[in-house]
Amino acid sequence: MPYYGISQEYVLRRNIMFKDRLRATRISRKYTAQQMADHLDTGLRNYQKYESGDARPTFEGLVSLADLLNVPTDFLLERDEYLSALGVSVDVSLTCPPRRPRPQKNH
């Protein structure tokens, strides 16, 4: 069901992009996941949910992440066209090591 004209597919695609961009930016800036969690005053597992796409930060958390990583919030949200239109570029390598596979749950 669309939310204010935005499809669920679009929201899911953006969530996937956000988690990847957050992780790549953190690694590029040489922060550990624990340091990020400490900055947000949250637990490591909670922060890891942001990078896995299982949770999203609050608006305040997003702003705090962007401030720590020294990037615009629009960069983390992959609004590259908007930033480009403003003449803003960000010096972050978006390549990072592959993720560890999630362990399979035995039921």
N, C-alpha and C. Protein backbone atom coordinates (compact mmCIF):
# COMPACT_ATOMS: atom_id res chain seq x y z
N MET A 1 0.84 -1.18 0.00
CA MET A 1 0.00 0.00 0.00
C MET A 1 0.89 1.24 0.00
N PRO A 2 0.68 2.16 -0.93
CA PRO A 2 1.51 3.36 -0.99
C PRO A 2 1.32 4.25 0.24
N TYR A 3 2.37 4.87 0.64
CA TYR A 3 2.36 5.79 1.77
C TYR A 3 2.67 7.17 1.22
N TYR A 4 1.69 8.04 1.21
CA TYR A 4 1.85 9.38 0.65
C TYR A 4 2.43 9.32 -0.76
N GLY A 5 1.94 8.38 -1.56
CA GLY A 5 2.38 8.27 -2.94
C GLY A 5 3.71 7.56 -3.13
N ILE A 6 4.26 7.00 -2.07
CA ILE A 6 5.54 6.29 -2.15
C ILE A 6 5.26 4.81 -2.02
N SER A 7 5.75 4.02 -2.97
CA SER A 7 5.49 2.59 -2.93
C SER A 7 6.35 1.90 -1.88
N GLN A 8 5.87 0.76 -1.40
CA GLN A 8 6.63 -0.02 -0.42
C GLN A 8 7.94 -0.50 -1.05
N GLU A 9 7.91 -0.82 -2.33
CA GLU A 9 9.13 -1.26 -3.03
C GLU A 9 10.20 -0.16 -2.98
N TYR A 10 9.79 1.08 -3.19
CA TYR A 10 10.72 2.20 -3.14
C TYR A 10 11.33 2.32 -1.75
N VAL A 11 10.48 2.22 -0.73
CA VAL A 11 10.96 2.33 0.66
C VAL A 11 11.93 1.19 0.96
N LEU A 12 11.61 -0.03 0.56
CA LEU A 12 12.50 -1.17 0.81
C LEU A 12 13.82 -1.00 0.08
N ARG A 13 13.78 -0.52 -1.16
CA ARG A 13 15.00 -0.30 -1.93
C ARG A 13 15.87 0.75 -1.24
N ARG A 14 15.26 1.82 -0.76
CA ARG A 14 16.01 2.86 -0.05
C ARG A 14 16.61 2.32 1.24
N ASN A 15 15.89 1.46 1.96
CA ASN A 15 16.40 0.87 3.19
C ASN A 15 17.63 0.03 2.89
N ILE A 16 17.60 -0.73 1.82
CA ILE A 16 18.76 -1.54 1.44
C ILE A 16 19.93 -0.64 1.10
N MET A 17 19.67 0.42 0.37
CA MET A 17 20.74 1.35 0.01
C MET A 17 21.30 2.04 1.24
N PHE A 18 20.43 2.44 2.17
CA PHE A 18 20.89 3.11 3.37
C PHE A 18 21.85 2.24 4.16
N LYS A 19 21.48 0.99 4.37
CA LYS A 19 22.33 0.11 5.19
C LYS A 19 23.69 -0.08 4.56
N ASP A 20 23.73 -0.22 3.25
CA ASP A 20 25.01 -0.40 2.56
C ASP A 20 25.85 0.87 2.59
N ARG A 21 25.19 2.00 2.39
CA ARG A 21 25.93 3.26 2.40
C ARG A 21 26.43 3.58 3.81
N LEU A 22 25.63 3.29 4.83
CA LEU A 22 26.05 3.51 6.21
C LEU A 22 27.28 2.68 6.53
N ARG A 23 27.25 1.42 6.18
CA ARG A 23 28.38 0.52 6.47
C ARG A 23 29.63 0.97 5.72
N ALA A 24 29.49 1.27 4.44
CA ALA A 24 30.64 1.69 3.63
C ALA A 24 31.25 2.99 4.17
N THR A 25 30.40 3.91 4.58
CA THR A 25 30.89 5.19 5.11
C THR A 25 31.59 4.99 6.44
N ARG A 26 31.01 4.15 7.30
CA ARG A 26 31.65 3.86 8.59
C ARG A 26 33.04 3.27 8.38
N ILE A 27 33.14 2.31 7.49
CA ILE A 27 34.43 1.66 7.23
C ILE A 27 35.41 2.65 6.60
N SER A 28 34.93 3.46 5.68
CA SER A 28 35.78 4.46 5.03
C SER A 28 36.33 5.46 6.04
N ARG A 29 35.52 5.81 7.03
CA ARG A 29 35.94 6.77 8.06
C ARG A 29 36.68 6.11 9.21
N LYS A 30 36.85 4.78 9.12
CA LYS A 30 37.62 4.01 10.09
C LYS A 30 37.01 4.00 11.51
N TYR A 31 35.70 3.92 11.56
CA TYR A 31 35.01 3.74 12.84
C TYR A 31 34.60 2.28 12.97
N THR A 32 34.61 1.80 14.20
CA THR A 32 34.08 0.46 14.46
C THR A 32 32.58 0.58 14.70
N ALA A 33 31.90 -0.54 14.57
CA ALA A 33 30.47 -0.55 14.87
C ALA A 33 30.24 -0.18 16.33
N GLN A 34 31.13 -0.60 17.21
CA GLN A 34 31.00 -0.26 18.63
C GLN A 34 31.12 1.25 18.85
N GLN A 35 32.04 1.89 18.18
CA GLN A 35 32.19 3.34 18.31
C GLN A 35 30.93 4.06 17.83
N MET A 36 30.34 3.55 16.76
CA MET A 36 29.10 4.14 16.25
C MET A 36 27.98 3.98 17.28
N ALA A 37 27.87 2.79 17.83
CA ALA A 37 26.84 2.53 18.85
C ALA A 37 27.04 3.44 20.06
N ASP A 38 28.28 3.58 20.49
CA ASP A 38 28.58 4.44 21.64
C ASP A 38 28.18 5.89 21.35
N HIS A 39 28.46 6.35 20.14
CA HIS A 39 28.11 7.72 19.76
C HIS A 39 26.60 7.93 19.81
N LEU A 40 25.86 6.91 19.42
CA LEU A 40 24.40 7.00 19.42
C LEU A 40 23.80 6.69 20.79
N ASP A 41 24.66 6.31 21.72
CA ASP A 41 24.21 5.92 23.07
C ASP A 41 23.21 4.76 22.98
N THR A 42 23.60 3.76 22.20
CA THR A 42 22.77 2.57 22.03
C THR A 42 23.68 1.34 22.09
N GLY A 43 23.09 0.19 22.12
CA GLY A 43 23.87 -1.03 22.16
C GLY A 43 24.41 -1.41 20.79
N LEU A 44 25.45 -2.21 20.80
CA LEU A 44 26.08 -2.66 19.56
C LEU A 44 25.08 -3.41 18.69
N ARG A 45 24.32 -4.31 19.27
CA ARG A 45 23.35 -5.08 18.48
C ARG A 45 22.31 -4.19 17.82
N ASN A 46 21.89 -3.16 18.53
CA ASN A 46 20.92 -2.23 17.94
C ASN A 46 21.54 -1.52 16.75
N TYR A 47 22.76 -1.05 16.89
CA TYR A 47 23.43 -0.38 15.76
C TYR A 47 23.61 -1.35 14.59
N GLN A 48 24.00 -2.58 14.89
CA GLN A 48 24.20 -3.57 13.82
C GLN A 48 22.91 -3.80 13.03
N LYS A 49 21.77 -3.62 13.67
CA LYS A 49 20.50 -3.75 12.96
C LYS A 49 20.35 -2.67 11.89
N TYR A 50 20.94 -1.49 12.10
CA TYR A 50 20.91 -0.45 11.08
C TYR A 50 21.68 -0.91 9.85
N GLU A 51 22.85 -1.50 10.08
CA GLU A 51 23.68 -1.94 8.96
C GLU A 51 23.16 -3.21 8.29
N SER A 52 22.34 -3.97 8.99
CA SER A 52 21.77 -5.18 8.38
C SER A 52 20.43 -4.89 7.71
N GLY A 53 19.88 -3.72 7.97
CA GLY A 53 18.59 -3.36 7.38
C GLY A 53 17.40 -3.83 8.19
N ASP A 54 17.65 -4.38 9.38
CA ASP A 54 16.56 -4.87 10.23
C ASP A 54 15.91 -3.75 11.04
N ALA A 55 16.55 -2.59 11.11
CA ALA A 55 16.00 -1.43 11.83
C ALA A 55 16.54 -0.17 11.17
N ARG A 56 15.88 0.93 11.46
CA ARG A 56 16.31 2.22 10.95
C ARG A 56 16.45 3.19 12.11
N PRO A 57 17.42 4.10 12.02
CA PRO A 57 17.58 5.06 13.11
C PRO A 57 16.44 6.07 13.11
N THR A 58 16.25 6.70 14.25
CA THR A 58 15.30 7.81 14.33
C THR A 58 15.87 8.98 13.52
N PHE A 59 15.07 10.00 13.34
CA PHE A 59 15.54 11.20 12.66
C PHE A 59 16.76 11.77 13.38
N GLU A 60 16.67 11.84 14.70
CA GLU A 60 17.78 12.37 15.49
C GLU A 60 19.02 11.48 15.35
N GLY A 61 18.80 10.17 15.31
CA GLY A 61 19.91 9.24 15.13
C GLY A 61 20.56 9.40 13.77
N LEU A 62 19.76 9.61 12.73
CA LEU A 62 20.29 9.83 11.39
C LEU A 62 21.16 11.07 11.34
N VAL A 63 20.69 12.15 11.95
CA VAL A 63 21.46 13.40 11.98
C VAL A 63 22.76 13.19 12.76
N SER A 64 22.69 12.47 13.87
CA SER A 64 23.88 12.20 14.68
C SER A 64 24.89 11.36 13.90
N LEU A 65 24.41 10.35 13.18
CA LEU A 65 25.30 9.53 12.34
C LEU A 65 25.99 10.38 11.28
N ALA A 66 25.21 11.21 10.61
CA ALA A 66 25.77 12.06 9.56
C ALA A 66 26.82 13.02 10.13
N ASP A 67 26.54 13.58 11.30
CA ASP A 67 27.50 14.49 11.93
C ASP A 67 28.80 13.76 12.27
N LEU A 68 28.69 12.58 12.87
CA LEU A 68 29.89 11.83 13.24
C LEU A 68 30.70 11.46 12.00
N LEU A 69 30.02 11.02 10.95
CA LEU A 69 30.70 10.57 9.73
C LEU A 69 31.09 11.73 8.82
N ASN A 70 30.68 12.95 9.19
CA ASN A 70 30.99 14.15 8.43
C ASN A 70 30.48 14.06 6.98
N VAL A 71 29.22 13.66 6.86
CA VAL A 71 28.55 13.59 5.56
C VAL A 71 27.15 14.18 5.71
N PRO A 72 26.56 14.65 4.61
CA PRO A 72 25.17 15.11 4.70
C PRO A 72 24.22 13.93 4.90
N THR A 73 23.12 14.17 5.58
CA THR A 73 22.11 13.12 5.73
C THR A 73 21.64 12.64 4.36
N ASP A 74 21.57 13.55 3.40
CA ASP A 74 21.14 13.17 2.05
C ASP A 74 22.10 12.16 1.43
N PHE A 75 23.36 12.20 1.80
CA PHE A 75 24.31 11.21 1.29
C PHE A 75 23.97 9.82 1.82
N LEU A 76 23.70 9.73 3.12
CA LEU A 76 23.35 8.44 3.71
C LEU A 76 22.04 7.90 3.13
N LEU A 77 21.15 8.80 2.76
CA LEU A 77 19.86 8.41 2.19
C LEU A 77 19.92 8.22 0.68
N GLU A 78 21.11 8.34 0.11
CA GLU A 78 21.37 8.16 -1.32
C GLU A 78 20.58 9.12 -2.19
N ARG A 79 20.53 10.35 -1.77
CA ARG A 79 19.90 11.39 -2.59
C ARG A 79 20.98 12.09 -3.39
N ASP A 80 21.70 11.28 -4.17
CA ASP A 80 22.86 11.77 -4.92
C ASP A 80 22.49 12.82 -5.96
N GLU A 81 21.34 12.65 -6.62
CA GLU A 81 20.95 13.62 -7.65
C GLU A 81 20.74 15.00 -7.01
N TYR A 82 20.12 15.01 -5.84
CA TYR A 82 19.88 16.26 -5.13
C TYR A 82 21.21 16.91 -4.74
N LEU A 83 22.11 16.14 -4.17
CA LEU A 83 23.41 16.68 -3.77
C LEU A 83 24.18 17.19 -4.98
N SER A 84 24.11 16.45 -6.07
CA SER A 84 24.80 16.85 -7.29
C SER A 84 24.24 18.18 -7.81
N ALA A 85 22.92 18.32 -7.74
CA ALA A 85 22.28 19.57 -8.19
C ALA A 85 22.74 20.76 -7.36
N LEU A 86 23.09 20.51 -6.10
CA LEU A 86 23.59 21.56 -5.23
C LEU A 86 25.09 21.76 -5.35
N GLY A 87 25.75 20.89 -6.12
CA GLY A 87 27.19 20.98 -6.27
C GLY A 87 27.95 20.38 -5.11
N VAL A 88 27.32 19.49 -4.37
CA VAL A 88 27.94 18.87 -3.19
C VAL A 88 28.49 17.51 -3.58
N SER A 89 29.74 17.26 -3.22
CA SER A 89 30.32 15.93 -3.41
C SER A 89 30.87 15.46 -2.08
N VAL A 90 30.92 14.15 -1.91
CA VAL A 90 31.37 13.55 -0.65
C VAL A 90 32.52 12.62 -0.95
N ASP A 91 33.58 12.71 -0.16
CA ASP A 91 34.79 11.91 -0.38
C ASP A 91 34.75 10.61 0.41
N VAL A 92 33.88 9.71 0.03
CA VAL A 92 33.75 8.42 0.70
C VAL A 92 33.82 7.31 -0.33
N SER A 93 34.68 6.34 -0.07
CA SER A 93 34.73 5.16 -0.92
C SER A 93 33.56 4.26 -0.54
N LEU A 94 32.79 3.86 -1.54
CA LEU A 94 31.63 3.02 -1.25
C LEU A 94 31.93 1.54 -1.40
N THR A 95 33.20 1.19 -1.54
CA THR A 95 33.58 -0.21 -1.57
C THR A 95 34.00 -0.61 -0.17
N CYS A 96 33.57 -1.77 0.25
CA CYS A 96 33.93 -2.25 1.58
C CYS A 96 33.96 -3.78 1.55
N PRO A 97 34.55 -4.38 2.56
CA PRO A 97 34.63 -5.84 2.59
C PRO A 97 33.24 -6.46 2.59
N PRO A 98 33.13 -7.66 2.06
CA PRO A 98 31.81 -8.32 2.07
C PRO A 98 31.35 -8.60 3.48
N ARG A 99 30.05 -8.68 3.63
CA ARG A 99 29.46 -9.00 4.93
C ARG A 99 29.67 -10.47 5.23
N ARG A 100 29.73 -10.77 6.52
CA ARG A 100 29.76 -12.18 6.92
C ARG A 100 28.35 -12.75 6.69
N PRO A 101 28.27 -13.97 6.23
CA PRO A 101 26.92 -14.55 6.04
C PRO A 101 26.22 -14.71 7.38
N ARG A 102 24.92 -14.50 7.35
CA ARG A 102 24.13 -14.69 8.58
C ARG A 102 24.06 -16.17 8.89
N PRO A 103 24.21 -16.52 10.17
CA PRO A 103 24.09 -17.94 10.54
C PRO A 103 22.66 -18.43 10.32
N GLN A 104 22.54 -19.65 9.88
CA GLN A 104 21.22 -20.25 9.67
C GLN A 104 20.66 -20.69 11.01
N LYS A 105 19.40 -20.40 11.25
CA LYS A 105 18.75 -20.83 12.48
C LYS A 105 18.21 -22.23 12.29
N ASN A 106 18.49 -23.07 13.24
CA ASN A 106 17.98 -24.44 13.20
C ASN A 106 16.69 -24.50 14.00
N HIS A 107 15.64 -24.94 13.34
CA HIS A 107 14.34 -25.04 14.02
C HIS A 107 14.01 -26.48 14.31
